[in-house]
mmCIF file of all heavy atoms, coordinates in Angstrom:
data_MODEL
# 
_entry.id   MODEL 
# 
loop_
_atom_site.group_PDB 
_atom_site.id 
_atom_site.type_symbol 
_atom_site.label_atom_id 
_atom_site.label_alt_id 
_atom_site.label_comp_id 
_atom_site.label_asym_id 
_atom_site.label_entity_id 
_atom_site.label_seq_id 
_atom_site.pdbx_PDB_ins_code 
_atom_site.Cartn_x 
_atom_site.Cartn_y 
_atom_site.Cartn_z 
_atom_site.occupancy 
_atom_site.B_iso_or_equiv 
_atom_site.pdbx_formal_charge 
_atom_site.auth_seq_id 
_atom_site.auth_comp_id 
_atom_site.auth_asym_id 
_atom_site.auth_atom_id 
_atom_site.pdbx_PDB_model_num 
ATOM 1   N N   . ILE A 1 1  ? -6.464  -149.117 -64.394 1.00 0.00 ? 1  ILE A N   1 
ATOM 2   C CA  . ILE A 1 1  ? -6.411  -150.245 -65.241 1.00 0.00 ? 1  ILE A CA  1 
ATOM 3   C C   . ILE A 1 1  ? -6.490  -151.574 -64.497 1.00 0.00 ? 1  ILE A C   1 
ATOM 4   O O   . ILE A 1 1  ? -5.845  -151.623 -63.391 1.00 0.00 ? 1  ILE A O   1 
ATOM 5   C CB  . ILE A 1 1  ? -5.216  -150.341 -66.138 1.00 0.00 ? 1  ILE A CB  1 
ATOM 6   C CG1 . ILE A 1 1  ? -5.138  -149.137 -67.175 1.00 0.00 ? 1  ILE A CG1 1 
ATOM 7   C CG2 . ILE A 1 1  ? -5.221  -151.691 -67.055 1.00 0.00 ? 1  ILE A CG2 1 
ATOM 8   C CD1 . ILE A 1 1  ? -5.828  -149.157 -68.415 1.00 0.00 ? 1  ILE A CD1 1 
ATOM 9   N N   . GLY A 1 2  ? -7.261  -152.531 -64.830 1.00 0.00 ? 2  GLY A N   1 
ATOM 10  C CA  . GLY A 1 2  ? -7.328  -153.735 -64.141 1.00 0.00 ? 2  GLY A CA  1 
ATOM 11  C C   . GLY A 1 2  ? -7.760  -154.967 -64.971 1.00 0.00 ? 2  GLY A C   1 
ATOM 12  O O   . GLY A 1 2  ? -8.079  -154.863 -66.234 1.00 0.00 ? 2  GLY A O   1 
ATOM 13  N N   . THR A 1 3  ? -7.926  -156.110 -64.446 1.00 0.00 ? 3  THR A N   1 
ATOM 14  C CA  . THR A 1 3  ? -8.425  -157.304 -64.988 1.00 0.00 ? 3  THR A CA  1 
ATOM 15  C C   . THR A 1 3  ? -9.513  -157.841 -64.232 1.00 0.00 ? 3  THR A C   1 
ATOM 16  O O   . THR A 1 3  ? -9.527  -157.740 -62.950 1.00 0.00 ? 3  THR A O   1 
ATOM 17  C CB  . THR A 1 3  ? -7.229  -158.362 -65.000 1.00 0.00 ? 3  THR A CB  1 
ATOM 18  O OG1 . THR A 1 3  ? -6.556  -158.405 -63.734 1.00 0.00 ? 3  THR A OG1 1 
ATOM 19  C CG2 . THR A 1 3  ? -6.276  -158.025 -66.127 1.00 0.00 ? 3  THR A CG2 1 
ATOM 20  N N   . LEU A 1 4  ? -10.628 -158.351 -64.925 1.00 0.00 ? 4  LEU A N   1 
ATOM 21  C CA  . LEU A 1 4  ? -11.744 -158.795 -64.228 1.00 0.00 ? 4  LEU A CA  1 
ATOM 22  C C   . LEU A 1 4  ? -11.558 -160.116 -63.573 1.00 0.00 ? 4  LEU A C   1 
ATOM 23  O O   . LEU A 1 4  ? -11.970 -160.436 -62.465 1.00 0.00 ? 4  LEU A O   1 
ATOM 24  C CB  . LEU A 1 4  ? -12.882 -159.105 -65.344 1.00 0.00 ? 4  LEU A CB  1 
ATOM 25  C CG  . LEU A 1 4  ? -13.572 -157.993 -65.947 1.00 0.00 ? 4  LEU A CG  1 
ATOM 26  C CD1 . LEU A 1 4  ? -14.479 -158.340 -66.978 1.00 0.00 ? 4  LEU A CD1 1 
ATOM 27  C CD2 . LEU A 1 4  ? -14.257 -157.177 -64.912 1.00 0.00 ? 4  LEU A CD2 1 
ATOM 28  N N   . GLY A 1 5  ? -10.702 -160.960 -64.107 1.00 0.00 ? 5  GLY A N   1 
ATOM 29  C CA  . GLY A 1 5  ? -10.227 -162.161 -63.539 1.00 0.00 ? 5  GLY A CA  1 
ATOM 30  C C   . GLY A 1 5  ? -8.725  -162.408 -63.645 1.00 0.00 ? 5  GLY A C   1 
ATOM 31  O O   . GLY A 1 5  ? -7.996  -161.461 -64.320 1.00 0.00 ? 5  GLY A O   1 
ATOM 32  N N   . ALA A 1 6  ? -8.199  -163.375 -63.022 1.00 0.00 ? 6  ALA A N   1 
ATOM 33  C CA  . ALA A 1 6  ? -6.701  -163.583 -63.032 1.00 0.00 ? 6  ALA A CA  1 
ATOM 34  C C   . ALA A 1 6  ? -6.202  -163.786 -64.457 1.00 0.00 ? 6  ALA A C   1 
ATOM 35  O O   . ALA A 1 6  ? -6.787  -164.620 -65.252 1.00 0.00 ? 6  ALA A O   1 
ATOM 36  C CB  . ALA A 1 6  ? -6.461  -164.769 -62.165 1.00 0.00 ? 6  ALA A CB  1 
ATOM 37  N N   . VAL A 1 7  ? -5.219  -163.218 -64.848 1.00 0.00 ? 7  VAL A N   1 
ATOM 38  C CA  . VAL A 1 7  ? -4.446  -163.428 -66.139 1.00 0.00 ? 7  VAL A CA  1 
ATOM 39  C C   . VAL A 1 7  ? -3.189  -163.854 -65.857 1.00 0.00 ? 7  VAL A C   1 
ATOM 40  O O   . VAL A 1 7  ? -2.624  -164.591 -66.550 1.00 0.00 ? 7  VAL A O   1 
ATOM 41  C CB  . VAL A 1 7  ? -4.418  -162.066 -66.896 1.00 0.00 ? 7  VAL A CB  1 
ATOM 42  C CG1 . VAL A 1 7  ? -3.712  -162.153 -68.182 1.00 0.00 ? 7  VAL A CG1 1 
ATOM 43  C CG2 . VAL A 1 7  ? -5.746  -161.533 -67.254 1.00 0.00 ? 7  VAL A CG2 1 
ATOM 44  N N   . GLN A 1 8  ? -2.512  -163.361 -64.717 1.00 0.00 ? 8  GLN A N   1 
ATOM 45  C CA  . GLN A 1 8  ? -1.179  -163.704 -64.309 1.00 0.00 ? 8  GLN A CA  1 
ATOM 46  C C   . GLN A 1 8  ? -1.191  -164.874 -63.381 1.00 0.00 ? 8  GLN A C   1 
ATOM 47  O O   . GLN A 1 8  ? -2.159  -165.185 -62.853 1.00 0.00 ? 8  GLN A O   1 
ATOM 48  C CB  . GLN A 1 8  ? -0.457  -162.499 -63.681 1.00 0.00 ? 8  GLN A CB  1 
ATOM 49  C CG  . GLN A 1 8  ? -0.366  -161.327 -64.585 1.00 0.00 ? 8  GLN A CG  1 
ATOM 50  C CD  . GLN A 1 8  ? 0.436   -161.547 -65.905 1.00 0.00 ? 8  GLN A CD  1 
ATOM 51  O OE1 . GLN A 1 8  ? 1.376   -162.240 -65.842 1.00 0.00 ? 8  GLN A OE1 1 
ATOM 52  N NE2 . GLN A 1 8  ? -0.066  -160.974 -67.007 1.00 0.00 ? 8  GLN A NE2 1 
ATOM 53  N N   . PRO A 1 9  ? 0.047   -165.455 -63.072 1.00 0.00 ? 9  PRO A N   1 
ATOM 54  C CA  . PRO A 1 9  ? 0.152   -166.639 -62.161 1.00 0.00 ? 9  PRO A CA  1 
ATOM 55  C C   . PRO A 1 9  ? -0.270  -166.397 -60.754 1.00 0.00 ? 9  PRO A C   1 
ATOM 56  O O   . PRO A 1 9  ? -0.496  -167.226 -59.863 1.00 0.00 ? 9  PRO A O   1 
ATOM 57  C CB  . PRO A 1 9  ? 1.451   -167.211 -62.434 1.00 0.00 ? 9  PRO A CB  1 
ATOM 58  C CG  . PRO A 1 9  ? 1.989   -166.658 -63.690 1.00 0.00 ? 9  PRO A CG  1 
ATOM 59  C CD  . PRO A 1 9  ? 1.237   -165.424 -63.896 1.00 0.00 ? 9  PRO A CD  1 
ATOM 60  N N   . SER A 1 10 ? -0.087  -165.100 -60.277 1.00 0.00 ? 10 SER A N   1 
ATOM 61  C CA  . SER A 1 10 ? -0.302  -164.561 -58.957 1.00 0.00 ? 10 SER A CA  1 
ATOM 62  C C   . SER A 1 10 ? -0.825  -163.251 -58.808 1.00 0.00 ? 10 SER A C   1 
ATOM 63  O O   . SER A 1 10 ? -0.686  -162.541 -59.740 1.00 0.00 ? 10 SER A O   1 
ATOM 64  C CB  . SER A 1 10 ? 1.089   -164.831 -58.168 1.00 0.00 ? 10 SER A CB  1 
ATOM 65  O OG  . SER A 1 10 ? 1.870   -163.821 -58.454 1.00 0.00 ? 10 SER A OG  1 
ATOM 66  N N   . VAL A 1 11 ? -1.408  -162.964 -57.645 1.00 0.00 ? 11 VAL A N   1 
ATOM 67  C CA  . VAL A 1 11 ? -1.935  -161.661 -57.435 1.00 0.00 ? 11 VAL A CA  1 
ATOM 68  C C   . VAL A 1 11 ? -0.688  -160.600 -57.538 1.00 0.00 ? 11 VAL A C   1 
ATOM 69  O O   . VAL A 1 11 ? -0.795  -159.543 -58.086 1.00 0.00 ? 11 VAL A O   1 
ATOM 70  C CB  . VAL A 1 11 ? -2.569  -161.547 -56.029 1.00 0.00 ? 11 VAL A CB  1 
ATOM 71  C CG1 . VAL A 1 11 ? -2.740  -160.056 -55.633 1.00 0.00 ? 11 VAL A CG1 1 
ATOM 72  C CG2 . VAL A 1 11 ? -3.899  -162.221 -56.072 1.00 0.00 ? 11 VAL A CG2 1 
ATOM 73  N N   . ALA A 1 12 ? 0.419   -160.877 -57.016 1.00 0.00 ? 12 ALA A N   1 
ATOM 74  C CA  . ALA A 1 12 ? 1.719   -160.130 -57.108 1.00 0.00 ? 12 ALA A CA  1 
ATOM 75  C C   . ALA A 1 12 ? 1.925   -159.687 -58.490 1.00 0.00 ? 12 ALA A C   1 
ATOM 76  O O   . ALA A 1 12 ? 2.118   -158.565 -58.829 1.00 0.00 ? 12 ALA A O   1 
ATOM 77  C CB  . ALA A 1 12 ? 2.792   -160.777 -56.372 1.00 0.00 ? 12 ALA A CB  1 
ATOM 78  N N   . GLU A 1 13 ? 2.005   -160.737 -59.388 1.00 0.00 ? 13 GLU A N   1 
ATOM 79  C CA  . GLU A 1 13 ? 2.272   -160.457 -60.802 1.00 0.00 ? 13 GLU A CA  1 
ATOM 80  C C   . GLU A 1 13 ? 1.122   -159.703 -61.415 1.00 0.00 ? 13 GLU A C   1 
ATOM 81  O O   . GLU A 1 13 ? 1.369   -158.888 -62.385 1.00 0.00 ? 13 GLU A O   1 
ATOM 82  C CB  . GLU A 1 13 ? 2.515   -161.740 -61.592 1.00 0.00 ? 13 GLU A CB  1 
ATOM 83  C CG  . GLU A 1 13 ? 3.822   -162.427 -61.123 1.00 0.00 ? 13 GLU A CG  1 
ATOM 84  C CD  . GLU A 1 13 ? 4.012   -163.771 -61.650 1.00 0.00 ? 13 GLU A CD  1 
ATOM 85  O OE1 . GLU A 1 13 ? 3.478   -164.640 -60.808 1.00 0.00 ? 13 GLU A OE1 1 
ATOM 86  O OE2 . GLU A 1 13 ? 4.557   -164.031 -62.762 1.00 0.00 ? 13 GLU A OE2 1 
ATOM 87  N N   . GLU A 1 14 ? -0.024  -159.880 -61.064 1.00 0.00 ? 14 GLU A N   1 
ATOM 88  C CA  . GLU A 1 14 ? -1.162  -159.205 -61.487 1.00 0.00 ? 14 GLU A CA  1 
ATOM 89  C C   . GLU A 1 14 ? -1.089  -157.738 -61.114 1.00 0.00 ? 14 GLU A C   1 
ATOM 90  O O   . GLU A 1 14 ? -1.289  -156.775 -62.066 1.00 0.00 ? 14 GLU A O   1 
ATOM 91  C CB  . GLU A 1 14 ? -2.548  -159.746 -60.990 1.00 0.00 ? 14 GLU A CB  1 
ATOM 92  C CG  . GLU A 1 14 ? -3.765  -159.471 -61.698 1.00 0.00 ? 14 GLU A CG  1 
ATOM 93  C CD  . GLU A 1 14 ? -3.989  -160.477 -62.933 1.00 0.00 ? 14 GLU A CD  1 
ATOM 94  O OE1 . GLU A 1 14 ? -3.654  -161.741 -62.666 1.00 0.00 ? 14 GLU A OE1 1 
ATOM 95  O OE2 . GLU A 1 14 ? -4.446  -160.148 -63.934 1.00 0.00 ? 14 GLU A OE2 1 
ATOM 96  N N   . ILE A 1 15 ? -0.690  -157.388 -60.004 1.00 0.00 ? 15 ILE A N   1 
ATOM 97  C CA  . ILE A 1 15 ? -0.511  -156.035 -59.585 1.00 0.00 ? 15 ILE A CA  1 
ATOM 98  C C   . ILE A 1 15 ? 0.742   -155.397 -60.422 1.00 0.00 ? 15 ILE A C   1 
ATOM 99  O O   . ILE A 1 15 ? 0.526   -154.157 -60.852 1.00 0.00 ? 15 ILE A O   1 
ATOM 100 C CB  . ILE A 1 15 ? -0.087  -155.940 -58.012 1.00 0.00 ? 15 ILE A CB  1 
ATOM 101 C CG1 . ILE A 1 15 ? -1.283  -156.372 -57.111 1.00 0.00 ? 15 ILE A CG1 1 
ATOM 102 C CG2 . ILE A 1 15 ? 0.422   -154.529 -57.586 1.00 0.00 ? 15 ILE A CG2 1 
ATOM 103 C CD1 . ILE A 1 15 ? -0.974  -156.550 -55.706 1.00 0.00 ? 15 ILE A CD1 1 
ATOM 104 N N   . ILE A 1 16 ? 1.720   -156.046 -60.604 1.00 0.00 ? 16 ILE A N   1 
ATOM 105 C CA  . ILE A 1 16 ? 2.863   -155.495 -61.400 1.00 0.00 ? 16 ILE A CA  1 
ATOM 106 C C   . ILE A 1 16 ? 2.399   -155.106 -62.759 1.00 0.00 ? 16 ILE A C   1 
ATOM 107 O O   . ILE A 1 16 ? 2.676   -154.004 -63.339 1.00 0.00 ? 16 ILE A O   1 
ATOM 108 C CB  . ILE A 1 16 ? 4.064   -156.484 -61.426 1.00 0.00 ? 16 ILE A CB  1 
ATOM 109 C CG1 . ILE A 1 16 ? 4.655   -156.570 -59.988 1.00 0.00 ? 16 ILE A CG1 1 
ATOM 110 C CG2 . ILE A 1 16 ? 5.099   -156.191 -62.409 1.00 0.00 ? 16 ILE A CG2 1 
ATOM 111 C CD1 . ILE A 1 16 ? 5.687   -157.714 -59.850 1.00 0.00 ? 16 ILE A CD1 1 
ATOM 112 N N   . HIS A 1 17 ? 1.767   -156.116 -63.506 1.00 0.00 ? 17 HIS A N   1 
ATOM 113 C CA  . HIS A 1 17 ? 1.350   -155.708 -64.855 1.00 0.00 ? 17 HIS A CA  1 
ATOM 114 C C   . HIS A 1 17 ? 0.316   -154.702 -64.934 1.00 0.00 ? 17 HIS A C   1 
ATOM 115 O O   . HIS A 1 17 ? 0.348   -153.816 -65.742 1.00 0.00 ? 17 HIS A O   1 
ATOM 116 C CB  . HIS A 1 17 ? 0.909   -157.029 -65.473 1.00 0.00 ? 17 HIS A CB  1 
ATOM 117 C CG  . HIS A 1 17 ? 1.970   -158.036 -65.894 1.00 0.00 ? 17 HIS A CG  1 
ATOM 118 N ND1 . HIS A 1 17 ? 2.675   -157.937 -67.156 1.00 0.00 ? 17 HIS A ND1 1 
ATOM 119 C CD2 . HIS A 1 17 ? 2.614   -158.969 -65.095 1.00 0.00 ? 17 HIS A CD2 1 
ATOM 120 C CE1 . HIS A 1 17 ? 3.629   -158.890 -67.130 1.00 0.00 ? 17 HIS A CE1 1 
ATOM 121 N NE2 . HIS A 1 17 ? 3.566   -159.503 -65.864 1.00 0.00 ? 17 HIS A NE2 1 
ATOM 122 N N   . ASN A 1 18 ? -0.707  -154.628 -64.015 1.00 0.00 ? 18 ASN A N   1 
ATOM 123 C CA  . ASN A 1 18 ? -1.720  -153.706 -64.029 1.00 0.00 ? 18 ASN A CA  1 
ATOM 124 C C   . ASN A 1 18 ? -1.287  -152.287 -63.563 1.00 0.00 ? 18 ASN A C   1 
ATOM 125 O O   . ASN A 1 18 ? -1.739  -151.246 -63.965 1.00 0.00 ? 18 ASN A O   1 
ATOM 126 C CB  . ASN A 1 18 ? -2.955  -154.193 -63.259 1.00 0.00 ? 18 ASN A CB  1 
ATOM 127 C CG  . ASN A 1 18 ? -3.597  -155.243 -63.964 1.00 0.00 ? 18 ASN A CG  1 
ATOM 128 O OD1 . ASN A 1 18 ? -3.385  -155.576 -65.099 1.00 0.00 ? 18 ASN A OD1 1 
ATOM 129 N ND2 . ASN A 1 18 ? -4.439  -156.027 -63.222 1.00 0.00 ? 18 ASN A ND2 1 
ATOM 130 N N   . ALA A 1 19 ? -0.275  -152.303 -62.698 1.00 0.00 ? 19 ALA A N   1 
ATOM 131 C CA  . ALA A 1 19 ? 0.309   -151.078 -62.203 1.00 0.00 ? 19 ALA A CA  1 
ATOM 132 C C   . ALA A 1 19 ? 1.011   -150.308 -63.350 1.00 0.00 ? 19 ALA A C   1 
ATOM 133 O O   . ALA A 1 19 ? 0.915   -149.142 -63.593 1.00 0.00 ? 19 ALA A O   1 
ATOM 134 C CB  . ALA A 1 19 ? 1.326   -151.187 -61.088 1.00 0.00 ? 19 ALA A CB  1 
ATOM 135 N N   . ILE A 1 20 ? 1.760   -151.114 -64.141 1.00 0.00 ? 20 ILE A N   1 
ATOM 136 C CA  . ILE A 1 20 ? 2.369   -150.513 -65.381 1.00 0.00 ? 20 ILE A CA  1 
ATOM 137 C C   . ILE A 1 20 ? 1.355   -150.027 -66.353 1.00 0.00 ? 20 ILE A C   1 
ATOM 138 O O   . ILE A 1 20 ? 1.521   -148.798 -66.846 1.00 0.00 ? 20 ILE A O   1 
ATOM 139 C CB  . ILE A 1 20 ? 3.377   -151.541 -66.031 1.00 0.00 ? 20 ILE A CB  1 
ATOM 140 C CG1 . ILE A 1 20 ? 4.603   -151.741 -65.157 1.00 0.00 ? 20 ILE A CG1 1 
ATOM 141 C CG2 . ILE A 1 20 ? 3.771   -151.135 -67.360 1.00 0.00 ? 20 ILE A CG2 1 
ATOM 142 C CD1 . ILE A 1 20 ? 5.424   -152.910 -65.522 1.00 0.00 ? 20 ILE A CD1 1 
ATOM 143 N N   . SER A 1 21 ? 0.333   -150.796 -66.646 1.00 0.00 ? 21 SER A N   1 
ATOM 144 C CA  . SER A 1 21 ? -0.633  -150.298 -67.490 1.00 0.00 ? 21 SER A CA  1 
ATOM 145 C C   . SER A 1 21 ? -1.475  -149.099 -67.045 1.00 0.00 ? 21 SER A C   1 
ATOM 146 O O   . SER A 1 21 ? -1.687  -148.202 -67.761 1.00 0.00 ? 21 SER A O   1 
ATOM 147 C CB  . SER A 1 21 ? -1.754  -151.543 -67.685 1.00 0.00 ? 21 SER A CB  1 
ATOM 148 O OG  . SER A 1 21 ? -1.127  -152.576 -68.301 1.00 0.00 ? 21 SER A OG  1 
ATOM 149 N N   . ALA A 1 22 ? -1.829  -148.992 -65.694 1.00 0.00 ? 22 ALA A N   1 
ATOM 150 C CA  . ALA A 1 22 ? -2.421  -147.904 -65.227 1.00 0.00 ? 22 ALA A CA  1 
ATOM 151 C C   . ALA A 1 22 ? -1.552  -146.572 -65.258 1.00 0.00 ? 22 ALA A C   1 
ATOM 152 O O   . ALA A 1 22 ? -2.125  -145.541 -65.476 1.00 0.00 ? 22 ALA A O   1 
ATOM 153 C CB  . ALA A 1 22 ? -2.814  -148.168 -63.770 1.00 0.00 ? 22 ALA A CB  1 
ATOM 154 N N   . SER A 1 23 ? -0.234  -146.774 -65.083 1.00 0.00 ? 23 SER A N   1 
ATOM 155 C CA  . SER A 1 23 ? 0.592   -145.573 -65.057 1.00 0.00 ? 23 SER A CA  1 
ATOM 156 C C   . SER A 1 23 ? 1.005   -145.269 -66.564 1.00 0.00 ? 23 SER A C   1 
ATOM 157 O O   . SER A 1 23 ? 1.506   -144.117 -66.697 1.00 0.00 ? 23 SER A O   1 
ATOM 158 C CB  . SER A 1 23 ? 1.953   -145.894 -64.219 1.00 0.00 ? 23 SER A CB  1 
ATOM 159 O OG  . SER A 1 23 ? 2.643   -146.847 -64.908 1.00 0.00 ? 23 SER A OG  1 
ATOM 160 N N   . SER A 1 24 ? 0.901   -146.065 -67.538 1.00 0.00 ? 24 SER A N   1 
ATOM 161 C CA  . SER A 1 24 ? 1.401   -145.671 -68.838 1.00 0.00 ? 24 SER A CA  1 
ATOM 162 C C   . SER A 1 24 ? 0.543   -146.064 -69.930 1.00 0.00 ? 24 SER A C   1 
ATOM 163 O O   . SER A 1 24 ? 0.787   -145.489 -71.146 1.00 0.00 ? 24 SER A O   1 
ATOM 164 C CB  . SER A 1 24 ? 2.809   -146.525 -69.000 1.00 0.00 ? 24 SER A CB  1 
ATOM 165 O OG  . SER A 1 24 ? 2.446   -147.848 -69.036 1.00 0.00 ? 24 SER A OG  1 
ATOM 166 N N   . GLN A 1 25 ? -0.646  -146.741 -69.737 1.00 0.00 ? 25 GLN A N   1 
ATOM 167 C CA  . GLN A 1 25 ? -1.512  -147.247 -70.960 1.00 0.00 ? 25 GLN A CA  1 
ATOM 168 C C   . GLN A 1 25 ? -2.848  -146.868 -70.883 1.00 0.00 ? 25 GLN A C   1 
ATOM 169 O O   . GLN A 1 25 ? -3.706  -147.328 -71.716 1.00 0.00 ? 25 GLN A O   1 
ATOM 170 C CB  . GLN A 1 25 ? -1.152  -148.638 -71.168 1.00 0.00 ? 25 GLN A CB  1 
ATOM 171 C CG  . GLN A 1 25 ? 0.228   -149.028 -71.548 1.00 0.00 ? 25 GLN A CG  1 
ATOM 172 C CD  . GLN A 1 25 ? 0.559   -150.561 -71.488 1.00 0.00 ? 25 GLN A CD  1 
ATOM 173 O OE1 . GLN A 1 25 ? -0.375  -151.402 -71.379 1.00 0.00 ? 25 GLN A OE1 1 
ATOM 174 N NE2 . GLN A 1 25 ? 1.823   -150.853 -71.591 1.00 0.00 ? 25 GLN A NE2 1 
ATOM 175 N N   . ASP A 1 26 ? -3.262  -146.158 -69.815 1.00 0.00 ? 26 ASP A N   1 
ATOM 176 C CA  . ASP A 1 26 ? -4.765  -145.704 -69.670 1.00 0.00 ? 26 ASP A CA  1 
ATOM 177 C C   . ASP A 1 26 ? -4.964  -144.802 -70.743 1.00 0.00 ? 26 ASP A C   1 
ATOM 178 O O   . ASP A 1 26 ? -4.253  -143.589 -70.716 1.00 0.00 ? 26 ASP A O   1 
ATOM 179 C CB  . ASP A 1 26 ? -5.002  -145.226 -68.271 1.00 0.00 ? 26 ASP A CB  1 
ATOM 180 C CG  . ASP A 1 26 ? -6.478  -144.930 -68.040 1.00 0.00 ? 26 ASP A CG  1 
ATOM 181 O OD1 . ASP A 1 26 ? -7.273  -144.493 -69.018 1.00 0.00 ? 26 ASP A OD1 1 
ATOM 182 O OD2 . ASP A 1 26 ? -6.895  -145.105 -66.893 1.00 0.00 ? 26 ASP A OD2 1 
ATOM 183 N N   . PRO A 1 27 ? -5.814  -145.059 -71.732 1.00 0.00 ? 27 PRO A N   1 
ATOM 184 C CA  . PRO A 1 27 ? -5.954  -144.114 -72.880 1.00 0.00 ? 27 PRO A CA  1 
ATOM 185 C C   . PRO A 1 27 ? -6.578  -142.677 -72.502 1.00 0.00 ? 27 PRO A C   1 
ATOM 186 O O   . PRO A 1 27 ? -6.397  -141.851 -73.287 1.00 0.00 ? 27 PRO A O   1 
ATOM 187 C CB  . PRO A 1 27 ? -6.965  -144.919 -73.853 1.00 0.00 ? 27 PRO A CB  1 
ATOM 188 C CG  . PRO A 1 27 ? -7.663  -145.910 -72.930 1.00 0.00 ? 27 PRO A CG  1 
ATOM 189 C CD  . PRO A 1 27 ? -6.693  -146.156 -71.879 1.00 0.00 ? 27 PRO A CD  1 
# 
């Protein structure tokens, strides 16, 4: 799971949110 452009305030926060999505929300 990922984002095309920045959604979060930093790359670190982008990684945290997308890591959770990739591990638990990939349909």
